[in-house]
Amino acid sequence: MHEYPITKRIIEIAQEFAQKNNADEVKQINLVVGDYSGYVASSIELYFEIIAEDSICKNATLNIERIIPKLKCNNCGKLFVRKPFSFECPDCQGQGSPTDIGQEFYIKSIEV
């Protein structure tokens, strides 16, 4: 449910950008959402369609680039995607530690 206010804010930012650039409509919004960001991409898409209906974003395409979380091996330093129930590095069998990869959440670009 917390996707609603963040989606509303994304639309507000896009509208502000369009107004600053003297544009009548927003054509595309490119968003980056990490799987561990705390936001569900499919919920943002759903709310976007509803909220954008009465705005200059109503015909805009929302593209969401999902970032899959990665661990970093404590031995060899390789970044890798964690397998269920394991923190083991696929290269050296060392233990992986969490990174910030997968926690991203930002507007990458807006096209007017």
N, C-alpha and C. Protein backbone atom coordinates (compact mmCIF):
# COMPACT_ATOMS: atom_id res chain seq x y z
N MET A 1 0.81 -1.20 0.00
CA MET A 1 0.00 0.00 0.00
C MET A 1 0.86 1.27 0.00
N HIS A 2 2.10 1.18 0.46
CA HIS A 2 2.95 2.37 0.48
C HIS A 2 3.46 2.73 -0.92
N GLU A 3 3.11 1.92 -1.92
CA GLU A 3 3.45 2.26 -3.30
C GLU A 3 2.58 3.40 -3.83
N TYR A 4 1.38 3.56 -3.28
CA TYR A 4 0.49 4.62 -3.75
C TYR A 4 1.11 6.01 -3.59
N PRO A 5 1.55 6.40 -2.37
CA PRO A 5 2.11 7.76 -2.24
C PRO A 5 3.40 7.96 -3.03
N ILE A 6 4.21 6.93 -3.16
CA ILE A 6 5.46 7.10 -3.92
C ILE A 6 5.16 7.22 -5.41
N THR A 7 4.15 6.50 -5.88
CA THR A 7 3.75 6.60 -7.29
C THR A 7 3.17 7.98 -7.57
N LYS A 8 2.38 8.48 -6.64
CA LYS A 8 1.83 9.83 -6.76
C LYS A 8 2.95 10.86 -6.86
N ARG A 9 3.99 10.67 -6.05
CA ARG A 9 5.13 11.60 -6.07
C ARG A 9 5.90 11.51 -7.38
N ILE A 10 6.04 10.31 -7.93
CA ILE A 10 6.72 10.13 -9.23
C ILE A 10 5.98 10.94 -10.30
N ILE A 11 4.66 10.85 -10.30
CA ILE A 11 3.86 11.60 -11.27
C ILE A 11 4.01 13.10 -11.05
N GLU A 12 4.02 13.54 -9.81
CA GLU A 12 4.22 14.97 -9.52
C GLU A 12 5.57 15.45 -10.03
N ILE A 13 6.61 14.67 -9.82
CA ILE A 13 7.95 15.03 -10.29
C ILE A 13 7.97 15.12 -11.81
N ALA A 14 7.32 14.16 -12.48
CA ALA A 14 7.27 14.17 -13.95
C ALA A 14 6.51 15.40 -14.46
N GLN A 15 5.42 15.76 -13.78
CA GLN A 15 4.65 16.94 -14.17
C GLN A 15 5.47 18.21 -13.98
N GLU A 16 6.18 18.30 -12.87
CA GLU A 16 7.04 19.46 -12.61
C GLU A 16 8.12 19.57 -13.68
N PHE A 17 8.70 18.43 -14.06
CA PHE A 17 9.73 18.41 -15.11
C PHE A 17 9.14 18.90 -16.43
N ALA A 18 7.95 18.42 -16.76
CA ALA A 18 7.30 18.84 -18.01
C ALA A 18 7.03 20.34 -18.01
N GLN A 19 6.52 20.85 -16.90
CA GLN A 19 6.22 22.28 -16.81
C GLN A 19 7.49 23.12 -16.95
N LYS A 20 8.58 22.70 -16.32
CA LYS A 20 9.84 23.43 -16.42
C LYS A 20 10.37 23.45 -17.85
N ASN A 21 10.00 22.42 -18.61
CA ASN A 21 10.47 22.31 -19.99
C ASN A 21 9.39 22.69 -21.01
N ASN A 22 8.36 23.38 -20.53
CA ASN A 22 7.27 23.87 -21.38
C ASN A 22 6.65 22.77 -22.25
N ALA A 23 6.47 21.60 -21.67
CA ALA A 23 5.88 20.47 -22.40
C ALA A 23 4.43 20.27 -21.95
N ASP A 24 3.61 19.84 -22.89
CA ASP A 24 2.19 19.62 -22.61
C ASP A 24 1.90 18.23 -22.07
N GLU A 25 2.84 17.31 -22.30
CA GLU A 25 2.62 15.95 -21.82
C GLU A 25 3.94 15.25 -21.51
N VAL A 26 3.83 14.22 -20.70
CA VAL A 26 4.97 13.36 -20.40
C VAL A 26 4.80 12.11 -21.25
N LYS A 27 5.85 11.77 -22.00
CA LYS A 27 5.77 10.61 -22.89
C LYS A 27 6.26 9.32 -22.22
N GLN A 28 7.29 9.46 -21.40
CA GLN A 28 7.89 8.25 -20.82
C GLN A 28 8.58 8.57 -19.50
N ILE A 29 8.45 7.64 -18.56
CA ILE A 29 9.16 7.74 -17.29
C ILE A 29 9.93 6.43 -17.12
N ASN A 30 11.23 6.56 -16.90
CA ASN A 30 12.08 5.39 -16.68
C ASN A 30 12.48 5.35 -15.21
N LEU A 31 12.09 4.27 -14.57
CA LEU A 31 12.27 4.12 -13.13
C LEU A 31 13.17 2.92 -12.86
N VAL A 32 14.02 3.03 -11.84
CA VAL A 32 14.87 1.92 -11.40
C VAL A 32 14.39 1.49 -10.03
N VAL A 33 14.06 0.19 -9.90
CA VAL A 33 13.54 -0.34 -8.65
C VAL A 33 14.29 -1.61 -8.29
N GLY A 34 15.03 -1.56 -7.20
CA GLY A 34 15.72 -2.75 -6.70
C GLY A 34 14.73 -3.66 -5.99
N ASP A 35 14.95 -4.96 -6.11
CA ASP A 35 14.05 -5.93 -5.47
C ASP A 35 14.03 -5.81 -3.95
N TYR A 36 15.09 -5.23 -3.37
CA TYR A 36 15.14 -5.04 -1.92
C TYR A 36 14.90 -3.58 -1.52
N SER A 37 14.31 -2.79 -2.44
CA SER A 37 14.08 -1.36 -2.15
C SER A 37 12.91 -1.15 -1.20
N GLY A 38 12.07 -2.16 -1.08
CA GLY A 38 10.88 -2.02 -0.25
C GLY A 38 9.65 -1.67 -1.06
N TYR A 39 9.81 -1.51 -2.38
CA TYR A 39 8.70 -1.20 -3.26
C TYR A 39 8.49 -2.33 -4.26
N VAL A 40 7.23 -2.60 -4.57
CA VAL A 40 6.88 -3.67 -5.50
C VAL A 40 6.58 -3.03 -6.86
N ALA A 41 7.38 -3.39 -7.86
CA ALA A 41 7.26 -2.78 -9.18
C ALA A 41 5.86 -2.95 -9.77
N SER A 42 5.26 -4.11 -9.64
CA SER A 42 3.93 -4.34 -10.22
C SER A 42 2.88 -3.46 -9.55
N SER A 43 3.02 -3.17 -8.27
CA SER A 43 2.08 -2.28 -7.58
C SER A 43 2.24 -0.85 -8.07
N ILE A 44 3.47 -0.44 -8.32
CA ILE A 44 3.72 0.90 -8.85
C ILE A 44 3.07 1.04 -10.22
N GLU A 45 3.20 0.01 -11.06
CA GLU A 45 2.58 0.03 -12.38
C GLU A 45 1.06 0.17 -12.27
N LEU A 46 0.47 -0.58 -11.38
CA LEU A 46 -0.98 -0.55 -11.19
C LEU A 46 -1.43 0.84 -10.73
N TYR A 47 -0.78 1.37 -9.71
CA TYR A 47 -1.15 2.70 -9.21
C TYR A 47 -0.89 3.79 -10.25
N PHE A 48 0.17 3.61 -11.03
CA PHE A 48 0.50 4.61 -12.04
C PHE A 48 -0.67 4.80 -13.01
N GLU A 49 -1.22 3.71 -13.50
CA GLU A 49 -2.35 3.79 -14.44
C GLU A 49 -3.53 4.54 -13.82
N ILE A 50 -3.79 4.30 -12.56
CA ILE A 50 -4.92 4.93 -11.88
C ILE A 50 -4.67 6.41 -11.60
N ILE A 51 -3.52 6.72 -11.03
CA ILE A 51 -3.21 8.10 -10.63
C ILE A 51 -2.96 9.01 -11.83
N ALA A 52 -2.30 8.47 -12.86
CA ALA A 52 -1.94 9.28 -14.03
C ALA A 52 -3.13 9.63 -14.91
N GLU A 53 -4.24 8.96 -14.70
CA GLU A 53 -5.44 9.13 -15.52
C GLU A 53 -5.85 10.59 -15.72
N ASP A 54 -5.76 11.38 -14.68
CA ASP A 54 -6.19 12.78 -14.73
C ASP A 54 -5.02 13.76 -14.73
N SER A 55 -3.93 13.36 -15.37
CA SER A 55 -2.74 14.22 -15.37
C SER A 55 -2.12 14.26 -16.77
N ILE A 56 -1.08 15.05 -16.90
CA ILE A 56 -0.37 15.11 -18.19
C ILE A 56 0.48 13.86 -18.42
N CYS A 57 0.44 12.95 -17.48
CA CYS A 57 1.16 11.67 -17.61
C CYS A 57 0.24 10.54 -18.09
N LYS A 58 -1.01 10.87 -18.41
CA LYS A 58 -2.00 9.83 -18.72
C LYS A 58 -1.61 8.95 -19.90
N ASN A 59 -0.87 9.48 -20.85
CA ASN A 59 -0.44 8.68 -22.01
C ASN A 59 1.01 8.23 -21.91
N ALA A 60 1.61 8.50 -20.78
CA ALA A 60 3.03 8.16 -20.60
C ALA A 60 3.25 6.67 -20.43
N THR A 61 4.38 6.21 -20.92
CA THR A 61 4.80 4.83 -20.72
C THR A 61 5.68 4.81 -19.48
N LEU A 62 5.41 3.88 -18.59
CA LEU A 62 6.23 3.71 -17.40
C LEU A 62 7.09 2.47 -17.60
N ASN A 63 8.40 2.69 -17.70
CA ASN A 63 9.35 1.58 -17.83
C ASN A 63 10.04 1.38 -16.49
N ILE A 64 10.01 0.15 -16.00
CA ILE A 64 10.66 -0.13 -14.72
C ILE A 64 11.79 -1.12 -14.94
N GLU A 65 12.98 -0.68 -14.59
CA GLU A 65 14.17 -1.54 -14.65
C GLU A 65 14.38 -2.13 -13.26
N ARG A 66 14.21 -3.44 -13.16
CA ARG A 66 14.38 -4.10 -11.86
C ARG A 66 15.86 -4.45 -11.65
N ILE A 67 16.32 -4.24 -10.43
CA ILE A 67 17.69 -4.58 -10.06
C ILE A 67 17.64 -5.76 -9.09
N ILE A 68 18.26 -6.84 -9.50
CA ILE A 68 18.30 -8.05 -8.67
C ILE A 68 19.42 -7.90 -7.64
N PRO A 69 19.14 -8.17 -6.38
CA PRO A 69 20.17 -8.04 -5.32
C PRO A 69 21.34 -8.99 -5.56
N LYS A 70 22.51 -8.54 -5.14
CA LYS A 70 23.72 -9.36 -5.26
C LYS A 70 24.50 -9.34 -3.95
N LEU A 71 25.19 -10.43 -3.72
CA LEU A 71 26.11 -10.55 -2.59
C LEU A 71 27.53 -10.37 -3.11
N LYS A 72 28.45 -10.05 -2.21
CA LYS A 72 29.87 -9.95 -2.57
C LYS A 72 30.63 -10.99 -1.76
N CYS A 73 31.39 -11.82 -2.47
CA CYS A 73 32.16 -12.87 -1.80
C CYS A 73 33.25 -12.25 -0.92
N ASN A 74 33.34 -12.72 0.31
CA ASN A 74 34.36 -12.23 1.24
C ASN A 74 35.75 -12.73 0.88
N ASN A 75 35.84 -13.82 0.09
CA ASN A 75 37.15 -14.37 -0.31
C ASN A 75 37.65 -13.78 -1.62
N CYS A 76 36.87 -13.96 -2.69
CA CYS A 76 37.36 -13.56 -4.02
C CYS A 76 36.82 -12.21 -4.49
N GLY A 77 35.83 -11.66 -3.80
CA GLY A 77 35.31 -10.35 -4.15
C GLY A 77 34.28 -10.34 -5.28
N LYS A 78 33.94 -11.50 -5.81
CA LYS A 78 32.98 -11.57 -6.90
C LYS A 78 31.57 -11.22 -6.41
N LEU A 79 30.83 -10.50 -7.26
CA LEU A 79 29.43 -10.23 -7.00
C LEU A 79 28.62 -11.37 -7.59
N PHE A 80 27.62 -11.84 -6.85
CA PHE A 80 26.80 -12.94 -7.35
C PHE A 80 25.40 -12.88 -6.78
N VAL A 81 24.47 -13.52 -7.51
CA VAL A 81 23.08 -13.61 -7.07
C VAL A 81 22.97 -14.77 -6.10
N ARG A 82 22.38 -14.51 -4.98
CA ARG A 82 22.23 -15.52 -3.92
C ARG A 82 21.25 -16.62 -4.33
N LYS A 83 21.64 -17.85 -4.09
CA LYS A 83 20.74 -18.98 -4.28
C LYS A 83 19.95 -19.17 -2.98
N PRO A 84 18.72 -19.70 -3.08
CA PRO A 84 17.92 -19.89 -1.86
C PRO A 84 18.66 -20.69 -0.79
N PHE A 85 18.59 -20.19 0.43
CA PHE A 85 19.17 -20.85 1.61
C PHE A 85 20.69 -20.97 1.56
N SER A 86 21.35 -20.12 0.79
CA SER A 86 22.81 -20.21 0.67
C SER A 86 23.42 -18.83 0.48
N PHE A 87 24.58 -18.63 1.07
CA PHE A 87 25.37 -17.42 0.87
C PHE A 87 26.69 -17.78 0.20
N GLU A 88 26.78 -18.99 -0.35
CA GLU A 88 28.02 -19.51 -0.91
C GLU A 88 28.31 -18.95 -2.30
N CYS A 89 29.55 -18.52 -2.48
CA CYS A 89 30.02 -18.00 -3.77
C CYS A 89 30.08 -19.16 -4.78
N PRO A 90 29.53 -18.98 -5.97
CA PRO A 90 29.57 -20.05 -6.97
C PRO A 90 30.97 -20.31 -7.53
N ASP A 91 31.90 -19.37 -7.35
CA ASP A 91 33.26 -19.55 -7.87
C ASP A 91 34.20 -20.22 -6.88
N CYS A 92 34.23 -19.69 -5.65
CA CYS A 92 35.25 -20.19 -4.70
C CYS A 92 34.65 -20.83 -3.45
N GLN A 93 33.34 -20.87 -3.36
CA GLN A 93 32.61 -21.43 -2.22
C GLN A 93 32.81 -20.63 -0.92
N GLY A 94 33.34 -19.43 -1.03
CA GLY A 94 33.44 -18.55 0.13
C GLY A 94 32.06 -18.01 0.49
N GLN A 95 31.99 -17.32 1.59
CA GLN A 95 30.72 -16.76 2.04
C GLN A 95 30.52 -15.35 1.49
N GLY A 96 29.29 -15.07 1.04
CA GLY A 96 28.95 -13.76 0.52
C GLY A 96 28.34 -12.87 1.60
N SER A 97 28.54 -11.60 1.43
CA SER A 97 27.96 -10.60 2.33
C SER A 97 27.02 -9.70 1.53
N PRO A 98 25.98 -9.18 2.19
CA PRO A 98 25.05 -8.28 1.49
C PRO A 98 25.75 -7.02 0.97
N THR A 99 25.21 -6.48 -0.11
CA THR A 99 25.67 -5.22 -0.70
C THR A 99 24.47 -4.30 -0.82
N ASP A 100 24.70 -3.11 -1.35
CA ASP A 100 23.60 -2.18 -1.60
C ASP A 100 22.91 -2.46 -2.94
N ILE A 101 23.46 -3.37 -3.73
CA ILE A 101 22.87 -3.71 -5.02
C ILE A 101 21.52 -4.37 -4.78
N GLY A 102 20.49 -3.78 -5.36
CA GLY A 102 19.14 -4.28 -5.19
C GLY A 102 18.30 -3.38 -4.29
N GLN A 103 18.92 -2.34 -3.73
CA GLN A 103 18.18 -1.42 -2.87
C GLN A 103 17.86 -0.09 -3.58
N GLU A 104 18.21 -0.01 -4.84
CA GLU A 104 18.01 1.22 -5.60
C GLU A 104 16.53 1.55 -5.77
N PHE A 105 16.25 2.84 -5.81
CA PHE A 105 14.92 3.32 -6.16
C PHE A 105 15.06 4.77 -6.59
N TYR A 106 14.93 5.02 -7.91
CA TYR A 106 15.03 6.38 -8.41
C TYR A 106 14.46 6.51 -9.80
N ILE A 107 14.16 7.75 -10.18
CA ILE A 107 13.74 8.05 -11.54
C ILE A 107 15.00 8.21 -12.36
N LYS A 108 15.15 7.36 -13.36
CA LYS A 108 16.34 7.40 -14.21
C LYS A 108 16.24 8.52 -15.24
N SER A 109 15.05 8.65 -15.85
CA SER A 109 14.85 9.72 -16.83
C SER A 109 13.37 9.95 -17.08
N ILE A 110 13.08 11.13 -17.61
CA ILE A 110 11.71 11.51 -17.99
C ILE A 110 11.78 12.09 -19.40
N GLU A 111 10.91 11.59 -20.25
CA GLU A 111 10.85 12.08 -21.63
C GLU A 111 9.56 12.86 -21.83
N VAL A 112 9.70 14.10 -22.34
CA VAL A 112 8.52 14.93 -22.60
C VAL A 112 8.39 15.21 -24.07
